[in-house]
């Protein structure tokens, strides 16, 4: 029912509104680009300094409150991501304020969460938490560049599960997310067993990102038409067969394997062979979703600035000229070459 509602909410303006959209349905606030890890596959760590060459301060608690309070409908989902969000000293205040008014989720690497914080997530009624884990201990720690991060991530999940049980709460839902790489593929069936023992029912599988424009500012929309870089991927076994094995492991353990984007296993495998076909897909995401950078810049998806909330209201930016022009261009071209592999690509029905 919710998925059908979202499709309608996005597709009606996509089809009929000439670049205009209904009010924001999902606002993602990147509260910081700072991170305490050095993940091998992360393009953000390579490009984050290009966002803020002038040393602009991050949005303050009050500025974030104003965006949420003065613009957003209460049904709007608010997501928080980084970097690592818990490097902000005021992040618990930010989460508490937002969750008191709107459905809230966030993304974390799970290394900085205490039991007391987990208790507060439950009491705040945070809706969902995505914890990034890219394999079993040795694999995950090697990818993340530290020797203790796997245990820390599992401990975070255990804290949240405990407080949910103690308080007889349903929320927050916990999702583990893994980026598929050649050095972690074989460990993912074992990861399924690990998270199943922690009573986690969902594992997201994400394509490794090869578009640095999702992490580095675009100068103009023309850069969306450039060809993305290729993926260097040489697994020891057939990728599609490994994914089938992983799905079978998920069924046995009661864990739902969620492919991101909404691709078949064959298409997922083709992506890593640099031959994925974009024609079965399109995107309505900018008709319902937007991103705010730590410095107030508003983006539809790519890092192409639509405006800045320190200079004008989000509601004005949301249906302003630049945003409408971007949407019309995306609809005209269905997808841009740089969309390849994005989680928000949607399969045509």
Protein backbone atom coordinates (compact mmCIF):
# COMPACT_ATOMS: atom_id res chain seq x y z
CA UNK A 1 0.00 0.00 0.00
CA UNK A 2 2.76 2.46 0.93
CA UNK A 3 4.74 1.61 -2.21
CA UNK A 4 1.66 2.24 -4.35
CA UNK A 5 1.07 5.58 -2.61
CA UNK A 6 4.67 6.66 -3.23
CA UNK A 7 4.46 5.67 -6.87
CA UNK A 8 1.34 7.82 -7.24
CA UNK A 9 2.85 10.70 -5.26
CA UNK A 10 5.88 10.77 -7.56
CA UNK A 11 4.40 9.74 -10.90
CA UNK A 12 1.43 12.13 -11.06
CA UNK A 13 3.66 15.25 -11.08
CA UNK A 14 6.23 13.37 -13.21
CA UNK A 15 3.60 12.84 -15.90
CA UNK A 16 1.51 15.99 -15.69
CA UNK A 17 3.09 18.89 -13.76
CA UNK A 18 5.77 20.14 -16.18
CA UNK A 19 8.63 20.03 -13.69
CA UNK A 20 6.61 20.97 -10.60
CA UNK A 21 6.26 18.52 -7.72
CA UNK A 22 4.13 17.92 -4.65
CA UNK A 23 5.77 18.92 -1.32
CA UNK A 24 8.95 17.05 -0.39
CA UNK A 25 8.16 13.46 0.58
CA UNK A 26 11.66 12.46 1.70
CA UNK A 27 14.31 14.92 2.85
CA UNK A 28 17.83 13.61 3.32
CA UNK A 29 20.10 15.86 5.39
CA UNK A 30 23.80 15.13 5.16
CA UNK A 31 24.79 16.55 8.54
CA UNK A 32 28.56 16.12 8.07
CA UNK A 33 31.04 14.79 5.55
CA UNK A 34 33.52 13.95 8.30
CA UNK A 35 34.10 10.26 8.95
CA UNK A 36 36.10 8.17 11.40
CA UNK A 37 36.78 5.41 8.85
CA UNK A 38 38.60 5.15 5.53
CA UNK A 39 36.55 2.71 3.46
CA UNK A 40 38.18 1.45 0.29
CA UNK A 41 35.12 1.80 -1.97
CA UNK A 42 34.00 5.22 -0.74
CA UNK A 43 34.19 7.94 -3.39
CA UNK A 44 33.10 10.50 -0.81
CA UNK A 45 36.40 10.23 1.05
CA UNK A 46 38.17 11.12 -2.20
CA UNK A 47 36.02 14.12 -3.05
CA UNK A 48 34.51 15.54 0.13
CA UNK A 49 36.95 18.45 0.40
CA UNK A 50 35.73 19.80 -2.96
CA UNK A 51 32.39 20.53 -1.31
CA UNK A 52 33.81 23.03 1.11
CA UNK A 53 36.98 24.64 -0.15
CA UNK A 54 36.01 27.92 1.56
CA UNK A 55 35.69 26.37 5.02
CA UNK A 56 31.96 27.07 5.40
CA UNK A 57 30.59 25.87 8.77
CA UNK A 58 28.14 22.97 8.86
CA UNK A 59 24.48 23.76 9.33
CA UNK A 60 23.78 24.42 13.00
CA UNK A 61 21.16 22.69 15.09
CA UNK A 62 18.94 25.78 14.83
CA UNK A 63 19.30 25.94 11.05
CA UNK A 64 18.33 22.28 10.72
CA UNK A 65 15.38 22.83 13.06
CA UNK A 66 14.20 25.74 10.93
CA UNK A 67 14.27 23.68 7.75
CA UNK A 68 12.23 20.92 9.37
CA UNK A 69 9.83 23.11 11.33
CA UNK A 70 9.05 25.83 8.82
CA UNK A 71 8.85 23.89 5.57
CA UNK A 72 8.16 20.20 5.84
CA UNK A 73 4.76 18.53 6.17
CA UNK A 74 4.63 16.18 9.15
CA UNK A 75 4.34 13.18 6.83
CA UNK A 76 7.71 13.98 5.24
CA UNK A 77 10.36 11.41 6.07
CA UNK A 78 13.60 12.92 7.27
CA UNK A 79 16.82 10.97 6.84
CA UNK A 80 20.24 11.78 8.26
CA UNK A 81 23.52 10.57 6.81
CA UNK A 82 27.19 11.49 6.57
CA UNK A 83 30.15 10.96 6.66
CA UNK A 84 29.41 9.48 10.05
CA UNK A 85 26.59 11.38 11.71
CA UNK A 86 27.71 10.62 15.26
CA UNK A 87 30.82 12.76 14.82
CA UNK A 88 28.50 15.72 15.39
CA UNK A 89 28.29 16.62 19.07
CA UNK A 90 24.68 17.75 18.67
CA UNK A 91 23.39 14.81 16.64
CA UNK A 92 21.22 13.39 19.42
CA UNK A 93 19.50 16.77 19.76
CA UNK A 94 18.98 16.86 16.00
CA UNK A 95 17.49 13.37 15.96
CA UNK A 96 15.25 14.06 18.97
CA UNK A 97 13.86 17.26 17.46
CA UNK A 98 13.20 15.71 14.06
CA UNK A 99 11.69 12.48 15.43
CA UNK A 100 9.30 14.45 17.63
CA UNK A 101 7.72 15.85 14.48
CA UNK A 102 8.50 13.60 11.49
CA UNK A 103 9.30 9.97 10.67
CA UNK A 104 13.10 9.72 10.95
CA UNK A 105 15.75 7.30 9.76
CA UNK A 106 19.53 7.47 9.65
CA UNK A 107 22.63 5.72 8.31
CA UNK A 108 25.63 4.85 10.47
CA UNK A 109 28.74 2.70 10.40
CA UNK A 110 27.83 1.66 13.95
CA UNK A 111 31.18 2.42 15.58
CA UNK A 112 30.20 5.28 17.89
CA UNK A 113 26.85 4.19 19.37
CA UNK A 114 26.54 3.45 23.11
CA UNK A 115 23.84 1.48 24.89
CA UNK A 116 22.37 4.74 26.25
CA UNK A 117 22.16 6.18 22.74
CA UNK A 118 20.44 3.02 21.50
CA UNK A 119 17.90 3.35 24.31
CA UNK A 120 17.24 6.92 23.20
CA UNK A 121 16.69 5.80 19.57
CA UNK A 122 13.96 3.48 20.82
CA UNK A 123 12.40 6.14 23.03
CA UNK A 124 12.52 8.69 20.20
CA UNK A 125 10.68 6.20 17.97
CA UNK A 126 13.25 6.43 15.21
CA UNK A 127 11.65 4.55 12.32
CA UNK A 128 14.65 2.81 10.78
CA UNK A 129 18.41 2.58 11.07
CA UNK A 130 20.71 1.39 8.31
CA UNK A 131 23.98 -0.08 9.56
CA UNK A 132 26.72 -0.55 6.96
CA UNK A 133 28.50 -3.91 7.21
CA UNK A 134 30.37 -5.22 4.19
CA UNK A 135 31.20 -8.80 5.16
CA UNK A 136 32.42 -10.92 8.04
CA UNK A 137 34.98 -9.62 10.51
CA UNK A 138 38.26 -9.87 8.60
CA UNK A 139 36.70 -8.69 5.33
CA UNK A 140 34.71 -5.83 6.84
CA UNK A 141 37.57 -4.54 8.99
CA UNK A 142 39.94 -4.65 6.01
CA UNK A 143 37.52 -2.68 3.83
CA UNK A 144 36.91 -0.11 6.57
CA UNK A 145 40.56 0.32 7.49
CA UNK A 146 40.26 -0.53 11.21
CA UNK A 147 40.50 -3.76 13.16
CA UNK A 148 37.59 -3.29 15.58
CA UNK A 149 34.72 -1.99 13.48
CA UNK A 150 32.91 -5.27 12.82
CA UNK A 151 32.41 -5.98 16.52
CA UNK A 152 31.39 -2.38 17.14
CA UNK A 153 28.74 -2.51 14.41
CA UNK A 154 27.33 -5.77 15.77
CA UNK A 155 27.35 -4.33 19.29
CA UNK A 156 25.31 -1.36 18.08
CA UNK A 157 22.71 -3.72 16.62
CA UNK A 158 22.63 -5.75 19.83
CA UNK A 159 22.08 -2.60 21.91
CA UNK A 160 19.12 -1.52 19.75
CA UNK A 161 17.55 -4.99 19.68
CA UNK A 162 17.88 -5.25 23.48
CA UNK A 163 16.18 -1.91 24.14
CA UNK A 164 13.41 -2.70 21.67
CA UNK A 165 12.71 -5.95 23.50
CA UNK A 166 12.94 -4.36 26.95
CA UNK A 167 10.45 -1.68 25.93
CA UNK A 168 8.30 -3.94 23.73
CA UNK A 169 8.77 -1.66 20.74
CA UNK A 170 8.61 -2.37 17.01
CA UNK A 171 10.80 0.57 15.98
CA UNK A 172 13.43 1.23 14.91
CA UNK A 173 13.62 -1.30 12.10
CA UNK A 174 17.24 -2.26 11.45
CA UNK A 175 18.61 -2.90 7.97
CA UNK A 176 22.16 -4.04 7.27
CA UNK A 177 23.59 -2.78 3.98
CA UNK A 178 26.52 -4.22 2.03
CA UNK A 179 28.29 -2.84 -1.04
CA UNK A 180 29.14 -5.76 -3.32
CA UNK A 181 32.86 -5.99 -4.11
CA UNK A 182 35.06 -8.80 -5.36
CA UNK A 183 36.80 -9.15 -1.99
CA UNK A 184 33.59 -9.46 0.07
CA UNK A 185 31.28 -11.45 -2.18
CA UNK A 186 32.15 -14.88 -0.82
CA UNK A 187 31.69 -13.72 2.81
CA UNK A 188 28.13 -12.43 2.40
CA UNK A 189 26.34 -15.79 2.96
CA UNK A 190 28.10 -16.03 6.32
CA UNK A 191 27.13 -12.42 7.08
CA UNK A 192 23.52 -13.44 6.47
CA UNK A 193 23.84 -16.06 9.21
CA UNK A 194 25.43 -13.53 11.58
CA UNK A 195 22.69 -10.91 11.21
CA UNK A 196 19.99 -13.58 11.36
CA UNK A 197 21.23 -14.56 14.82
CA UNK A 198 20.79 -10.90 15.76
CA UNK A 199 17.18 -11.10 14.51
CA UNK A 200 17.83 -8.78 11.56
CA UNK A 201 15.52 -9.63 8.67
CA UNK A 202 16.83 -7.42 5.85
CA UNK A 203 20.17 -7.25 4.04
CA UNK A 204 20.51 -4.61 1.34
CA UNK A 205 22.90 -5.29 -1.53
CA UNK A 206 24.21 -2.14 -3.17
CA UNK A 207 26.21 -1.75 -6.36
CA UNK A 208 29.62 -0.20 -5.87
CA UNK A 209 29.25 3.40 -7.02
CA UNK A 210 31.25 4.54 -10.01
CA UNK A 211 29.74 8.02 -10.46
CA UNK A 212 31.84 10.50 -8.53
CA UNK A 213 29.18 13.13 -9.28
CA UNK A 214 27.10 11.70 -6.46
CA UNK A 215 29.92 12.82 -4.17
CA UNK A 216 31.56 15.73 -5.98
CA UNK A 217 29.77 18.89 -7.14
CA UNK A 218 28.75 19.21 -10.78
CA UNK A 219 29.38 22.50 -12.55
CA UNK A 220 26.45 22.01 -14.93
CA UNK A 221 23.90 19.38 -15.91
CA UNK A 222 25.98 18.59 -19.02
CA UNK A 223 28.26 16.51 -16.78
CA UNK A 224 25.34 14.12 -16.14
CA UNK A 225 25.64 13.08 -19.79
CA UNK A 226 29.26 11.96 -19.49
CA UNK A 227 30.13 8.26 -19.37
CA UNK A 228 30.73 6.92 -15.86
CA UNK A 229 33.96 5.12 -15.06
CA UNK A 230 34.17 1.36 -15.40
CA UNK A 231 34.14 -1.17 -12.58
CA UNK A 232 37.21 -3.35 -12.11
CA UNK A 233 35.69 -6.57 -10.86
CA UNK A 234 37.23 -10.04 -11.21
CA UNK A 235 35.54 -12.45 -8.78
CA UNK A 236 36.90 -15.97 -8.56
CA UNK A 237 33.42 -17.35 -9.31
CA UNK A 238 30.44 -16.31 -11.44
CA UNK A 239 28.79 -13.26 -9.84
CA UNK A 240 25.23 -14.22 -10.74
CA UNK A 241 25.75 -17.70 -9.31
CA UNK A 242 27.15 -16.18 -6.11
CA UNK A 243 24.11 -13.91 -5.83
CA UNK A 244 21.77 -16.89 -6.27
CA UNK A 245 23.69 -18.70 -3.53
CA UNK A 246 23.34 -15.62 -1.33
CA UNK A 247 19.58 -15.43 -1.91
CA UNK A 248 19.28 -19.11 -1.02
CA UNK A 249 21.22 -18.44 2.19
CA UNK A 250 18.83 -15.60 2.94
CA UNK A 251 15.77 -17.80 2.50
CA UNK A 252 17.23 -20.46 4.77
CA UNK A 253 18.04 -17.89 7.46
CA UNK A 254 14.83 -15.85 7.12
CA UNK A 255 16.70 -12.78 5.83
CA UNK A 256 15.29 -10.81 2.90
CA UNK A 257 17.97 -9.89 0.34
CA UNK A 258 17.11 -6.48 -1.11
CA UNK A 259 18.82 -5.66 -4.41
CA UNK A 260 19.57 -1.95 -4.93
CA UNK A 261 18.56 -0.70 -7.45
CA UNK A 262 15.53 -2.77 -8.41
CA UNK A 263 17.50 -4.98 -10.81
CA UNK A 264 17.46 -8.66 -11.69
CA UNK A 265 20.44 -10.75 -10.64
CA UNK A 266 21.50 -10.85 -14.28
CA UNK A 267 21.36 -7.05 -14.53
CA UNK A 268 23.21 -6.72 -11.25
CA UNK A 269 25.92 -8.99 -12.62
CA UNK A 270 25.98 -7.07 -15.93
CA UNK A 271 26.71 -3.86 -14.02
CA UNK A 272 29.97 -5.34 -12.77
CA UNK A 273 30.81 -6.43 -16.32
CA UNK A 274 30.25 -2.83 -17.50
CA UNK A 275 27.40 -3.84 -19.80
CA UNK A 276 24.24 -3.07 -17.82
CA UNK A 277 21.37 -1.80 -19.97
CA UNK A 278 19.60 1.32 -18.68
CA UNK A 279 16.55 0.97 -20.95
CA UNK A 280 14.39 -1.03 -18.46
CA UNK A 281 14.69 1.80 -15.92
CA UNK A 282 13.58 5.37 -15.32
CA UNK A 283 13.52 7.72 -12.31
CA UNK A 284 10.87 9.78 -10.55
CA UNK A 285 12.97 10.33 -7.45
CA UNK A 286 13.55 14.11 -7.82
CA UNK A 287 9.76 14.57 -7.77
CA UNK A 288 9.63 13.51 -4.12
CA UNK A 289 13.15 13.45 -2.68
CA UNK A 290 15.85 16.02 -2.10
CA UNK A 291 19.19 16.27 -0.34
CA UNK A 292 20.68 19.06 1.76
CA UNK A 293 24.44 19.17 2.15
CA UNK A 294 26.16 20.00 5.47
CA UNK A 295 26.58 23.54 4.17
CA UNK A 296 22.98 24.14 3.10
CA UNK A 297 23.18 23.36 -0.62
CA UNK A 298 20.10 21.60 -2.01
CA UNK A 299 20.54 18.78 -4.52
CA UNK A 300 18.02 16.60 -6.38
CA UNK A 301 20.37 13.58 -6.45
CA UNK A 302 23.56 14.49 -8.30
CA UNK A 303 25.59 17.17 -6.62
CA UNK A 304 24.15 19.89 -8.83
CA UNK A 305 23.10 22.83 -6.69
CA UNK A 306 19.47 23.94 -6.87
CA UNK A 307 19.95 26.62 -4.20
CA UNK A 308 20.97 27.03 -0.57
CA UNK A 309 18.69 27.02 2.49
CA UNK A 310 20.81 29.74 4.07
CA UNK A 311 19.79 32.05 1.23
CA UNK A 312 16.20 31.03 0.44
CA UNK A 313 13.58 28.64 1.78
CA UNK A 314 13.55 24.99 0.83
CA UNK A 315 9.95 25.33 -0.40
CA UNK A 316 11.02 28.04 -2.83
CA UNK A 317 14.01 26.01 -4.01
CA UNK A 318 11.93 22.83 -4.31
CA UNK A 319 9.79 24.15 -7.15
CA UNK A 320 12.15 26.89 -8.32
CA UNK A 321 13.36 27.28 -11.89
CA UNK A 322 16.52 25.20 -11.51
CA UNK A 323 14.72 22.28 -9.90
CA UNK A 324 11.95 22.30 -12.50
CA UNK A 325 14.47 22.46 -15.35
CA UNK A 326 16.38 19.51 -13.89
CA UNK A 327 13.22 17.43 -13.61
CA UNK A 328 12.13 18.26 -17.15
CA UNK A 329 15.54 17.33 -18.51
CA UNK A 330 15.56 14.04 -16.60
CA UNK A 331 12.08 13.14 -17.84
CA UNK A 332 13.04 14.00 -21.42
CA UNK A 333 16.12 11.76 -21.32
CA UNK A 334 14.53 9.11 -19.02
CA UNK A 335 17.92 8.63 -17.31
CA UNK A 336 21.34 10.21 -17.68
CA UNK A 337 24.43 8.06 -18.28
CA UNK A 338 25.68 9.00 -14.81
CA UNK A 339 22.52 7.47 -13.29
CA UNK A 340 23.95 4.00 -13.90
CA UNK A 341 23.99 1.99 -10.66
CA UNK A 342 22.09 4.56 -8.59
CA UNK A 343 19.89 3.01 -5.87
CA UNK A 344 16.94 5.13 -6.98
CA UNK A 345 16.63 3.77 -10.52
CA UNK A 346 13.12 2.33 -10.88
CA UNK A 347 12.06 -0.53 -13.13
CA UNK A 348 9.40 0.31 -15.70
CA UNK A 349 6.13 -1.51 -14.99
